Amino acid sequence: MSPRTKEQNDAIREMRMNQIMQAAAEVYLEKGIQLEVRDVAVKAELGYGTVYHYYKNKHMLLEDLLWDALNRTESAIQPAISGDGSSLLKATSFSRLLLRNCIQDPSIFILLKTVSDNFHHFPGNRFSKLFAEFQERIYLPFVAMIRNGIDSQSSDKRANLIFGSLVGYASLNIHHNMRNEIDVEGIVDMIFSGLQSKEN
């Protein structure tokens, strides 16, 4: 049997890392910051040593998980940011995409919840760069949509309230195993129903 090529090794490495991160997200939803690398290995059905080969500790694993989730969140909301329509319409589309992906992808939910909690479970300030990137790539574009779309002096507070409502609603559904029952359209319509568009 011939040795594996570099491409084959790279594909195996990527598959293993995805398997580990998916398991880590599931364990984090169950145990929070109390998760251990051995828990992730059990959930991923991998040897403890295999997981440690990729991640020396849980903080390195969670950091990778959150950065990957940030990139996937940005991809998920891109249609709303680059789409046509009024700012308020784009903000509504952004919210639907964000909530739908938050419910479907545990790592995106973990990112949003962790940012909302200001990383208070994590030691030191190792996530300050991630927070800054989240603000620039996800949150501030949303705030700009709200600011440009509604007739209010407190648009920043409204954007924060909407964002918090989406994360809170996702949290309730995820922790009560109601993911398949969520009415994304109805929830977002209800959240936005009280906003007065500048165009009216």
N, C-alpha and C. Protein backbone atom coordinates (compact mmCIF):
# COMPACT_ATOMS: atom_id res chain seq x y z
N MET A 1 0.85 -1.19 0.00
CA MET A 1 0.00 0.00 0.00
C MET A 1 0.89 1.25 0.00
N SER A 2 0.62 2.17 -0.93
CA SER A 2 1.47 3.35 -1.05
C SER A 2 1.11 4.38 0.02
N PRO A 3 2.11 5.19 0.42
CA PRO A 3 1.83 6.22 1.43
C PRO A 3 0.86 7.28 0.90
N ARG A 4 0.15 7.92 1.84
CA ARG A 4 -0.81 8.96 1.44
C ARG A 4 -0.09 10.17 0.87
N THR A 5 -0.75 10.85 -0.05
CA THR A 5 -0.21 12.08 -0.62
C THR A 5 -0.46 13.23 0.35
N LYS A 6 0.19 14.36 0.10
CA LYS A 6 -0.01 15.55 0.94
C LYS A 6 -1.48 15.98 0.89
N GLU A 7 -2.07 15.91 -0.30
CA GLU A 7 -3.48 16.30 -0.45
C GLU A 7 -4.39 15.39 0.38
N GLN A 8 -4.10 14.10 0.37
CA GLN A 8 -4.90 13.17 1.16
C GLN A 8 -4.74 13.45 2.65
N ASN A 9 -3.52 13.71 3.09
CA ASN A 9 -3.28 14.06 4.50
C ASN A 9 -3.99 15.34 4.89
N ASP A 10 -3.96 16.33 3.99
CA ASP A 10 -4.65 17.61 4.27
C ASP A 10 -6.15 17.40 4.37
N ALA A 11 -6.70 16.55 3.49
CA ALA A 11 -8.14 16.27 3.52
C ALA A 11 -8.54 15.56 4.81
N ILE A 12 -7.70 14.61 5.25
CA ILE A 12 -7.97 13.89 6.50
C ILE A 12 -7.89 14.86 7.68
N ARG A 13 -6.88 15.73 7.67
CA ARG A 13 -6.74 16.72 8.74
C ARG A 13 -7.96 17.64 8.83
N GLU A 14 -8.41 18.12 7.67
CA GLU A 14 -9.58 19.01 7.66
C GLU A 14 -10.83 18.28 8.15
N MET A 15 -11.00 17.03 7.71
CA MET A 15 -12.16 16.24 8.15
C MET A 15 -12.12 16.03 9.67
N ARG A 16 -10.95 15.68 10.20
CA ARG A 16 -10.81 15.46 11.65
C ARG A 16 -11.10 16.73 12.43
N MET A 17 -10.56 17.86 11.96
CA MET A 17 -10.78 19.12 12.69
C MET A 17 -12.25 19.51 12.68
N ASN A 18 -12.93 19.31 11.54
CA ASN A 18 -14.37 19.59 11.48
C ASN A 18 -15.14 18.67 12.42
N GLN A 19 -14.75 17.41 12.46
CA GLN A 19 -15.38 16.43 13.34
C GLN A 19 -15.20 16.85 14.81
N ILE A 20 -14.00 17.30 15.14
CA ILE A 20 -13.70 17.72 16.51
C ILE A 20 -14.47 18.98 16.87
N MET A 21 -14.51 19.95 15.96
CA MET A 21 -15.21 21.21 16.26
C MET A 21 -16.71 21.01 16.37
N GLN A 22 -17.27 20.15 15.52
CA GLN A 22 -18.71 19.86 15.62
C GLN A 22 -19.03 19.21 16.96
N ALA A 23 -18.19 18.27 17.37
CA ALA A 23 -18.38 17.61 18.67
C ALA A 23 -18.22 18.62 19.80
N ALA A 24 -17.23 19.51 19.68
CA ALA A 24 -16.99 20.53 20.71
C ALA A 24 -18.20 21.43 20.88
N ALA A 25 -18.83 21.81 19.77
CA ALA A 25 -20.02 22.66 19.84
C ALA A 25 -21.14 21.95 20.58
N GLU A 26 -21.33 20.68 20.28
CA GLU A 26 -22.39 19.92 20.94
C GLU A 26 -22.11 19.76 22.44
N VAL A 27 -20.85 19.49 22.78
CA VAL A 27 -20.49 19.35 24.20
C VAL A 27 -20.63 20.69 24.92
N TYR A 28 -20.24 21.78 24.24
CA TYR A 28 -20.36 23.10 24.87
C TYR A 28 -21.82 23.42 25.19
N LEU A 29 -22.73 23.05 24.30
CA LEU A 29 -24.14 23.29 24.58
C LEU A 29 -24.61 22.52 25.80
N GLU A 30 -24.02 21.35 26.04
CA GLU A 30 -24.39 20.53 27.20
C GLU A 30 -23.72 21.00 28.48
N LYS A 31 -22.43 21.35 28.40
CA LYS A 31 -21.64 21.58 29.61
C LYS A 31 -21.10 23.00 29.77
N GLY A 32 -21.20 23.81 28.74
CA GLY A 32 -20.62 25.14 28.80
C GLY A 32 -19.11 25.08 28.92
N ILE A 33 -18.54 26.05 29.59
CA ILE A 33 -17.09 26.15 29.71
C ILE A 33 -16.48 25.00 30.50
N GLN A 34 -17.32 24.22 31.16
CA GLN A 34 -16.83 23.06 31.91
C GLN A 34 -16.41 21.91 31.00
N LEU A 35 -16.63 22.03 29.70
CA LEU A 35 -16.26 20.94 28.80
C LEU A 35 -14.78 20.63 28.91
N GLU A 36 -14.43 19.41 28.67
CA GLU A 36 -13.03 18.97 28.68
C GLU A 36 -12.73 18.31 27.34
N VAL A 37 -11.45 18.27 26.98
CA VAL A 37 -11.05 17.69 25.72
C VAL A 37 -11.49 16.23 25.64
N ARG A 38 -11.46 15.52 26.75
CA ARG A 38 -11.88 14.10 26.72
C ARG A 38 -13.37 13.98 26.40
N ASP A 39 -14.18 14.95 26.85
CA ASP A 39 -15.61 14.94 26.50
C ASP A 39 -15.79 15.07 24.99
N VAL A 40 -14.99 15.94 24.40
CA VAL A 40 -15.06 16.16 22.96
C VAL A 40 -14.64 14.90 22.21
N ALA A 41 -13.59 14.25 22.69
CA ALA A 41 -13.12 13.01 22.06
C ALA A 41 -14.21 11.94 22.08
N VAL A 42 -14.90 11.81 23.21
CA VAL A 42 -15.98 10.82 23.33
C VAL A 42 -17.10 11.16 22.35
N LYS A 43 -17.51 12.43 22.30
CA LYS A 43 -18.61 12.85 21.42
C LYS A 43 -18.23 12.65 19.95
N ALA A 44 -16.96 12.92 19.62
CA ALA A 44 -16.50 12.78 18.23
C ALA A 44 -16.18 11.34 17.86
N GLU A 45 -16.22 10.47 18.88
CA GLU A 45 -15.85 9.05 18.69
C GLU A 45 -14.43 8.92 18.15
N LEU A 46 -13.55 9.71 18.76
CA LEU A 46 -12.12 9.68 18.43
C LEU A 46 -11.33 9.38 19.69
N GLY A 47 -10.12 8.91 19.49
CA GLY A 47 -9.24 8.70 20.62
C GLY A 47 -8.85 10.02 21.26
N TYR A 48 -8.65 9.99 22.57
CA TYR A 48 -8.24 11.18 23.32
C TYR A 48 -6.97 11.77 22.73
N GLY A 49 -6.01 10.90 22.41
CA GLY A 49 -4.74 11.36 21.84
C GLY A 49 -4.91 12.02 20.48
N THR A 50 -5.89 11.55 19.70
CA THR A 50 -6.14 12.16 18.39
C THR A 50 -6.59 13.60 18.55
N VAL A 51 -7.51 13.84 19.47
CA VAL A 51 -7.99 15.21 19.68
C VAL A 51 -6.86 16.09 20.22
N TYR A 52 -6.07 15.56 21.14
CA TYR A 52 -4.94 16.32 21.69
C TYR A 52 -3.88 16.60 20.64
N HIS A 53 -3.80 15.77 19.61
CA HIS A 53 -2.85 16.03 18.53
C HIS A 53 -3.17 17.36 17.84
N TYR A 54 -4.48 17.67 17.74
CA TYR A 54 -4.91 18.90 17.08
C TYR A 54 -5.04 20.07 18.05
N TYR A 55 -5.47 19.78 19.27
CA TYR A 55 -5.74 20.85 20.25
C TYR A 55 -5.16 20.46 21.60
N LYS A 56 -4.23 21.25 22.09
CA LYS A 56 -3.54 20.93 23.35
C LYS A 56 -4.41 21.21 24.58
N ASN A 57 -5.40 22.11 24.43
CA ASN A 57 -6.30 22.39 25.55
C ASN A 57 -7.64 22.90 25.02
N LYS A 58 -8.61 22.97 25.89
CA LYS A 58 -9.95 23.35 25.47
C LYS A 58 -10.03 24.79 25.00
N HIS A 59 -9.18 25.66 25.53
CA HIS A 59 -9.23 27.06 25.12
C HIS A 59 -8.78 27.23 23.67
N MET A 60 -7.77 26.47 23.26
CA MET A 60 -7.35 26.51 21.85
C MET A 60 -8.47 25.99 20.95
N LEU A 61 -9.12 24.94 21.39
CA LEU A 61 -10.21 24.36 20.61
C LEU A 61 -11.37 25.35 20.50
N LEU A 62 -11.76 25.95 21.60
CA LEU A 62 -12.87 26.90 21.58
C LEU A 62 -12.53 28.15 20.77
N GLU A 63 -11.27 28.56 20.82
CA GLU A 63 -10.86 29.72 20.03
C GLU A 63 -11.02 29.42 18.54
N ASP A 64 -10.57 28.25 18.10
CA ASP A 64 -10.74 27.84 16.70
C ASP A 64 -12.22 27.75 16.34
N LEU A 65 -13.01 27.19 17.23
CA LEU A 65 -14.44 27.04 17.01
C LEU A 65 -15.09 28.41 16.79
N LEU A 66 -14.73 29.39 17.61
CA LEU A 66 -15.34 30.71 17.52
C LEU A 66 -14.89 31.47 16.28
N TRP A 67 -13.61 31.35 15.91
CA TRP A 67 -13.14 32.01 14.68
C TRP A 67 -13.82 31.41 13.46
N ASP A 68 -13.94 30.10 13.44
CA ASP A 68 -14.61 29.43 12.33
C ASP A 68 -16.08 29.86 12.27
N ALA A 69 -16.71 29.96 13.43
CA ALA A 69 -18.11 30.40 13.49
C ALA A 69 -18.26 31.84 13.00
N LEU A 70 -17.29 32.68 13.30
CA LEU A 70 -17.34 34.07 12.83
C LEU A 70 -17.33 34.10 11.30
N ASN A 71 -16.46 33.32 10.69
CA ASN A 71 -16.38 33.29 9.23
C ASN A 71 -17.67 32.75 8.62
N ARG A 72 -18.26 31.73 9.24
CA ARG A 72 -19.50 31.18 8.72
C ARG A 72 -20.68 32.13 8.94
N THR A 73 -20.65 32.87 10.04
CA THR A 73 -21.71 33.87 10.28
C THR A 73 -21.65 34.95 9.22
N GLU A 74 -20.45 35.41 8.93
CA GLU A 74 -20.29 36.46 7.91
C GLU A 74 -20.79 35.97 6.55
N SER A 75 -20.47 34.73 6.20
CA SER A 75 -20.97 34.16 4.94
C SER A 75 -22.49 34.07 4.93
N ALA A 76 -23.06 33.68 6.06
CA ALA A 76 -24.51 33.50 6.16
C ALA A 76 -25.28 34.81 5.97
N ILE A 77 -24.76 35.91 6.49
CA ILE A 77 -25.49 37.18 6.42
C ILE A 77 -25.14 38.01 5.18
N GLN A 78 -24.16 37.55 4.40
CA GLN A 78 -23.70 38.31 3.25
C GLN A 78 -24.82 38.67 2.27
N PRO A 79 -25.76 37.77 1.99
CA PRO A 79 -26.85 38.15 1.07
C PRO A 79 -27.63 39.38 1.54
N ALA A 80 -27.80 39.53 2.84
CA ALA A 80 -28.53 40.70 3.36
C ALA A 80 -27.68 41.97 3.22
N ILE A 81 -26.40 41.86 3.47
CA ILE A 81 -25.52 43.03 3.40
C ILE A 81 -25.37 43.52 1.97
N SER A 82 -25.23 42.58 1.04
CA SER A 82 -24.99 42.96 -0.35
C SER A 82 -26.26 43.03 -1.18
N GLY A 83 -27.40 42.70 -0.59
CA GLY A 83 -28.66 42.66 -1.33
C GLY A 83 -29.24 44.04 -1.60
N ASP A 84 -30.30 44.04 -2.40
CA ASP A 84 -31.01 45.28 -2.73
C ASP A 84 -32.11 45.55 -1.71
N GLY A 85 -32.67 46.73 -1.78
CA GLY A 85 -33.79 47.08 -0.92
C GLY A 85 -33.41 48.15 0.09
N SER A 86 -34.41 48.57 0.84
CA SER A 86 -34.20 49.59 1.86
C SER A 86 -33.35 49.04 3.01
N SER A 87 -32.82 49.94 3.79
CA SER A 87 -31.99 49.53 4.93
C SER A 87 -32.78 48.68 5.90
N LEU A 88 -34.05 49.02 6.13
CA LEU A 88 -34.87 48.26 7.07
C LEU A 88 -35.17 46.86 6.51
N LEU A 89 -35.41 46.78 5.21
CA LEU A 89 -35.63 45.48 4.58
C LEU A 89 -34.37 44.61 4.69
N LYS A 90 -33.22 45.23 4.49
CA LYS A 90 -31.95 44.50 4.61
C LYS A 90 -31.72 44.05 6.06
N ALA A 91 -32.07 44.91 7.01
CA ALA A 91 -31.93 44.54 8.43
C ALA A 91 -32.84 43.37 8.79
N THR A 92 -34.04 43.34 8.22
CA THR A 92 -34.97 42.24 8.45
C THR A 92 -34.41 40.95 7.86
N SER A 93 -33.90 41.03 6.65
CA SER A 93 -33.29 39.87 5.99
C SER A 93 -32.08 39.37 6.79
N PHE A 94 -31.25 40.31 7.24
CA PHE A 94 -30.08 39.99 8.08
C PHE A 94 -30.53 39.20 9.31
N SER A 95 -31.57 39.68 9.96
CA SER A 95 -32.07 39.05 11.20
C SER A 95 -32.58 37.65 10.94
N ARG A 96 -33.30 37.46 9.84
CA ARG A 96 -33.80 36.12 9.50
C ARG A 96 -32.65 35.16 9.25
N LEU A 97 -31.68 35.61 8.46
CA LEU A 97 -30.53 34.75 8.16
C LEU A 97 -29.75 34.42 9.42
N LEU A 98 -29.57 35.41 10.27
CA LEU A 98 -28.81 35.21 11.50
C LEU A 98 -29.53 34.22 12.42
N LEU A 99 -30.83 34.42 12.62
CA LEU A 99 -31.58 33.53 13.51
C LEU A 99 -31.63 32.10 12.94
N ARG A 100 -31.89 31.97 11.66
CA ARG A 100 -31.97 30.64 11.04
C ARG A 100 -30.65 29.89 11.20
N ASN A 101 -29.54 30.57 10.92
CA ASN A 101 -28.23 29.92 11.02
C ASN A 101 -27.83 29.67 12.46
N CYS A 102 -28.26 30.54 13.33
CA CYS A 102 -27.98 30.38 14.76
C CYS A 102 -28.65 29.12 15.30
N ILE A 103 -29.87 28.85 14.83
CA ILE A 103 -30.61 27.66 15.27
C ILE A 103 -30.01 26.39 14.64
N GLN A 104 -29.60 26.48 13.38
CA GLN A 104 -29.12 25.30 12.67
C GLN A 104 -27.67 24.94 12.99
N ASP A 105 -26.87 25.91 13.37
CA ASP A 105 -25.43 25.68 13.56
C ASP A 105 -25.05 26.02 15.00
N PRO A 106 -24.81 25.02 15.84
CA PRO A 106 -24.49 25.30 17.24
C PRO A 106 -23.30 26.23 17.45
N SER A 107 -22.31 26.17 16.57
CA SER A 107 -21.13 27.02 16.78
C SER A 107 -21.46 28.49 16.54
N ILE A 108 -22.37 28.78 15.60
CA ILE A 108 -22.79 30.18 15.40
C ILE A 108 -23.55 30.67 16.63
N PHE A 109 -24.43 29.83 17.15
CA PHE A 109 -25.12 30.21 18.39
C PHE A 109 -24.12 30.47 19.52
N ILE A 110 -23.13 29.59 19.66
CA ILE A 110 -22.13 29.74 20.72
C ILE A 110 -21.37 31.06 20.55
N LEU A 111 -21.02 31.39 19.31
CA LEU A 111 -20.34 32.67 19.05
C LEU A 111 -21.20 33.85 19.50
N LEU A 112 -22.46 33.86 19.05
CA LEU A 112 -23.34 34.99 19.38
C LEU A 112 -23.59 35.10 20.87
N LYS A 113 -23.80 33.96 21.52
CA LYS A 113 -24.05 33.96 22.97
C LYS A 113 -22.80 34.41 23.72
N THR A 114 -21.65 33.94 23.28
CA THR A 114 -20.39 34.29 23.94
C THR A 114 -20.09 35.78 23.79
N VAL A 115 -20.33 36.31 22.60
CA VAL A 115 -20.13 37.75 22.38
C VAL A 115 -21.12 38.53 23.24
N SER A 116 -22.38 38.09 23.28
CA SER A 116 -23.40 38.78 24.09
C SER A 116 -23.02 38.79 25.57
N ASP A 117 -22.39 37.70 26.01
CA ASP A 117 -21.94 37.60 27.41
C ASP A 117 -20.58 38.24 27.63
N ASN A 118 -20.05 38.88 26.60
CA ASN A 118 -18.76 39.57 26.68
C ASN A 118 -17.62 38.64 27.10
N PHE A 119 -17.68 37.38 26.64
CA PHE A 119 -16.63 36.39 26.88
C PHE A 119 -16.31 36.21 28.37
N HIS A 120 -17.30 36.43 29.22
CA HIS A 120 -16.99 36.42 30.66
C HIS A 120 -16.58 35.06 31.20
N HIS A 121 -16.82 33.97 30.46
CA HIS A 121 -16.39 32.65 30.92
C HIS A 121 -14.93 32.35 30.57
N PHE A 122 -14.34 33.20 29.74
CA PHE A 122 -13.01 32.90 29.23
C PHE A 122 -11.94 33.72 29.95
N PRO A 123 -10.80 33.11 30.23
CA PRO A 123 -9.74 33.81 30.98
C PRO A 123 -9.05 34.90 30.15
N GLY A 124 -8.61 35.94 30.83
CA GLY A 124 -7.81 36.98 30.20
C GLY A 124 -8.55 37.69 29.09
N ASN A 125 -7.79 38.27 28.19
CA ASN A 125 -8.41 39.00 27.08
C ASN A 125 -8.04 38.36 25.74
N ARG A 126 -7.94 37.03 25.72
CA ARG A 126 -7.51 36.33 24.52
C ARG A 126 -8.49 36.49 23.37
N PHE A 127 -9.71 36.96 23.64
CA PHE A 127 -10.70 37.07 22.59
C PHE A 127 -10.97 38.53 22.18
N SER A 128 -10.10 39.45 22.57
CA SER A 128 -10.33 40.85 22.22
C SER A 128 -10.27 41.07 20.71
N LYS A 129 -9.37 40.36 20.02
CA LYS A 129 -9.28 40.49 18.55
C LYS A 129 -10.53 39.90 17.90
N LEU A 130 -10.99 38.77 18.40
CA LEU A 130 -12.20 38.16 17.86
C LEU A 130 -13.39 39.09 18.06
N PHE A 131 -13.49 39.70 19.23
CA PHE A 131 -14.59 40.63 19.51
C PHE A 131 -14.55 41.81 18.54
N ALA A 132 -13.36 42.36 18.32
CA ALA A 132 -13.21 43.50 17.41
C ALA A 132 -13.62 43.10 15.99
N GLU A 133 -13.24 41.91 15.56
CA GLU A 133 -13.61 41.43 14.23
C GLU A 133 -15.12 41.20 14.13
N PHE A 134 -15.71 40.67 15.19
CA PHE A 134 -17.15 40.46 15.21
C PHE A 134 -17.88 41.80 15.07
N GLN A 135 -17.41 42.79 15.82
CA GLN A 135 -18.02 44.11 15.74
C GLN A 135 -17.96 44.65 14.32
N GLU A 136 -16.80 44.58 13.72
CA GLU A 136 -16.59 45.16 12.40
C GLU A 136 -17.34 44.40 11.30
N ARG A 137 -17.33 43.09 11.37
CA ARG A 137 -17.84 42.27 10.27
C ARG A 137 -19.31 41.90 10.41
N ILE A 138 -19.83 41.86 11.64
CA ILE A 138 -21.22 41.41 11.85
C ILE A 138 -22.08 42.51 12.48
N TYR A 139 -21.68 42.98 13.63
CA TYR A 139 -22.56 43.84 14.42
C TYR A 139 -22.70 45.26 13.85
N LEU A 140 -21.59 45.92 13.53
CA LEU A 140 -21.69 47.31 13.07
C LEU A 140 -22.41 47.46 11.73
N PRO A 141 -22.25 46.51 10.79
CA PRO A 141 -23.09 46.62 9.58
C PRO A 141 -24.58 46.55 9.90
N PHE A 142 -24.95 45.72 10.88
CA PHE A 142 -26.35 45.63 11.29
C PHE A 142 -26.81 46.94 11.94
N VAL A 143 -25.99 47.50 12.81
CA VAL A 143 -26.33 48.78 13.44
C VAL A 143 -26.53 49.86 12.38
N ALA A 144 -25.67 49.87 11.36
CA ALA A 144 -25.80 50.86 10.29
C ALA A 144 -27.12 50.69 9.53
N MET A 145 -27.54 49.44 9.31
CA MET A 145 -28.82 49.20 8.63
C MET A 145 -29.98 49.77 9.45
N ILE A 146 -29.94 49.51 10.75
CA ILE A 146 -31.01 50.02 11.63
C ILE A 146 -30.98 51.54 11.67
N ARG A 147 -29.79 52.11 11.81
CA ARG A 147 -29.66 53.57 11.88
C ARG A 147 -30.18 54.23 10.60
N ASN A 148 -29.87 53.63 9.46
CA ASN A 148 -30.30 54.21 8.19
C ASN A 148 -31.75 53.89 7.86
N GLY A 149 -32.32 52.90 8.54
CA GLY A 149 -33.65 52.44 8.16
C GLY A 149 -34.80 52.89 9.02
N ILE A 150 -34.54 53.31 10.27
CA ILE A 150 -35.67 53.63 11.13
C ILE A 150 -35.68 55.09 11.53
N ASP A 151 -36.86 55.54 11.87
CA ASP A 151 -37.06 56.92 12.28
C ASP A 151 -37.00 57.00 13.81
N SER A 152 -35.79 57.06 14.33
CA SER A 152 -35.64 57.05 15.78
C SER A 152 -34.30 57.67 16.17
N GLN A 153 -34.28 58.34 17.31
CA GLN A 153 -33.04 58.90 17.84
C GLN A 153 -32.20 57.82 18.53
N SER A 154 -32.83 56.70 18.87
CA SER A 154 -32.13 55.66 19.63
C SER A 154 -31.90 54.41 18.80
N SER A 155 -31.47 54.59 17.55
CA SER A 155 -31.31 53.45 16.65
C SER A 155 -30.26 52.46 17.14
N ASP A 156 -29.20 52.95 17.78
CA ASP A 156 -28.17 52.05 18.30
C ASP A 156 -28.74 51.14 19.38
N LYS A 157 -29.56 51.71 20.26
CA LYS A 157 -30.19 50.90 21.32
C LYS A 157 -31.17 49.90 20.71
N ARG A 158 -31.88 50.32 19.67
CA ARG A 158 -32.82 49.42 19.01
C ARG A 158 -32.08 48.25 18.38
N ALA A 159 -30.97 48.54 17.72
CA ALA A 159 -30.17 47.48 17.09
C ALA A 159 -29.69 46.49 18.15
N ASN A 160 -29.25 47.00 19.28
CA ASN A 160 -28.78 46.15 20.36
C ASN A 160 -29.91 45.29 20.92
N LEU A 161 -31.08 45.88 21.05
CA LEU A 161 -32.25 45.15 21.55
C LEU A 161 -32.66 44.04 20.58
N ILE A 162 -32.65 44.34 19.29
CA ILE A 162 -33.01 43.33 18.28
C ILE A 162 -32.01 42.18 18.33
N PHE A 163 -30.73 42.53 18.35
CA PHE A 163 -29.69 41.50 18.37
C PHE A 163 -29.84 40.61 19.60
N GLY A 164 -30.04 41.24 20.75
CA GLY A 164 -30.23 40.49 21.99
C GLY A 164 -31.46 39.61 21.95
N SER A 165 -32.53 40.11 21.33
CA SER A 165 -33.77 39.32 21.20
C SER A 165 -33.54 38.08 20.36
N LEU A 166 -32.80 38.22 19.27
CA LEU A 166 -32.51 37.08 18.40
C LEU A 166 -31.70 36.02 19.14
N VAL A 167 -30.68 36.46 19.85
CA VAL A 167 -29.83 35.51 20.60
C VAL A 167 -30.63 34.86 21.72
N GLY A 168 -31.43 35.64 22.41
CA GLY A 168 -32.26 35.10 23.50
C GLY A 168 -33.28 34.09 23.00
N TYR A 169 -33.92 34.40 21.88
CA TYR A 169 -34.90 33.48 21.33
C TYR A 169 -34.24 32.18 20.89
N ALA A 170 -33.08 32.30 20.24
CA ALA A 170 -32.34 31.09 19.82
C ALA A 170 -31.96 30.27 21.03
N SER A 171 -31.54 30.93 22.10
CA SER A 171 -31.13 30.23 23.32
C SER A 171 -32.29 29.42 23.90
N LEU A 172 -33.45 30.03 23.98
CA LEU A 172 -34.63 29.32 24.51
C LEU A 172 -34.94 28.07 23.69
N ASN A 173 -34.89 28.21 22.38
CA ASN A 173 -35.21 27.08 21.51
C ASN A 173 -34.16 25.99 21.55
N ILE A 174 -32.90 26.37 21.56
CA ILE A 174 -31.82 25.38 21.57
C ILE A 174 -31.81 24.61 22.89
N HIS A 175 -31.93 25.32 23.99
CA HIS A 175 -31.85 24.67 25.29
C HIS A 175 -33.12 23.89 25.68
N HIS A 176 -34.19 24.10 24.92
CA HIS A 176 -35.42 23.33 25.16
C HIS A 176 -35.71 22.37 24.00
N ASN A 177 -34.67 22.14 23.17
CA ASN A 177 -34.77 21.21 22.04
C ASN A 177 -35.99 21.46 21.16
N MET A 178 -36.19 22.72 20.81
CA MET A 178 -37.33 23.09 19.97
C MET A 178 -36.87 23.61 18.61
N ARG A 179 -35.69 23.21 18.16
CA ARG A 179 -35.12 23.77 16.92
C ARG A 179 -36.03 23.59 15.71
N ASN A 180 -36.71 22.47 15.62
CA ASN A 180 -37.55 22.21 14.45
C ASN A 180 -38.87 22.97 14.49
N GLU A 181 -39.20 23.54 15.63
CA GLU A 181 -40.49 24.21 15.77
C GLU A 181 -40.40 25.72 15.57
N ILE A 182 -39.22 26.24 15.33
CA ILE A 182 -39.05 27.68 15.29
C ILE A 182 -39.66 28.31 14.04
N ASP A 183 -40.35 29.42 14.23
CA ASP A 183 -40.95 30.19 13.15
C ASP A 183 -40.10 31.44 12.94
N VAL A 184 -39.04 31.30 12.16
CA VAL A 184 -38.08 32.39 11.97
C VAL A 184 -38.77 33.62 11.40
N GLU A 185 -39.58 33.43 10.36
CA GLU A 185 -40.24 34.57 9.72
C GLU A 185 -41.13 35.31 10.72
N GLY A 186 -41.95 34.55 11.44
CA GLY A 186 -42.88 35.16 12.39
C GLY A 186 -42.19 35.89 13.52
N ILE A 187 -41.11 35.29 14.04
CA ILE A 187 -40.38 35.93 15.14
C ILE A 187 -39.76 37.23 14.70
N VAL A 188 -39.09 37.21 13.53
CA VAL A 188 -38.43 38.43 13.04
C VAL A 188 -39.48 39.49 12.70
N ASP A 189 -40.58 39.09 12.09
CA ASP A 189 -41.65 40.06 11.80
C ASP A 189 -42.17 40.70 13.08
N MET A 190 -42.33 39.89 14.12
CA MET A 190 -42.82 40.42 15.39
C MET A 190 -41.82 41.42 15.99
N ILE A 191 -40.53 41.08 15.95
CA ILE A 191 -39.49 41.97 16.49
C ILE A 191 -39.48 43.30 15.76
N PHE A 192 -39.64 43.25 14.43
CA PHE A 192 -39.55 44.47 13.63
C PHE A 192 -40.87 45.23 13.52
N SER A 193 -41.95 44.64 14.00
CA SER A 193 -43.27 45.26 13.80
C SER A 193 -43.40 46.63 14.45
N GLY A 194 -42.66 46.87 15.50
CA GLY A 194 -42.76 48.16 16.19
C GLY A 194 -41.84 49.25 15.66
N LEU A 195 -41.05 48.93 14.65
CA LEU A 195 -40.11 49.91 14.11
C LEU A 195 -40.77 50.73 13.02
N GLN A 196 -40.55 52.04 13.08
CA GLN A 196 -41.11 52.95 12.08
C GLN A 196 -40.04 53.28 11.08
N SER A 197 -40.30 52.92 9.82
CA SER A 197 -39.32 53.17 8.76
C SER A 197 -39.22 54.66 8.47
N LYS A 198 -38.03 55.11 8.10
CA LYS A 198 -37.84 56.50 7.69
C LYS A 198 -38.60 56.80 6.42
N GLU A 199 -38.88 55.76 5.64
CA GLU A 199 -39.51 55.97 4.35
C GLU A 199 -41.02 56.18 4.46
N ASN A 200 -41.61 55.90 5.64
CA ASN A 200 -43.07 56.06 5.82
C ASN A 200 -43.43 57.51 6.05
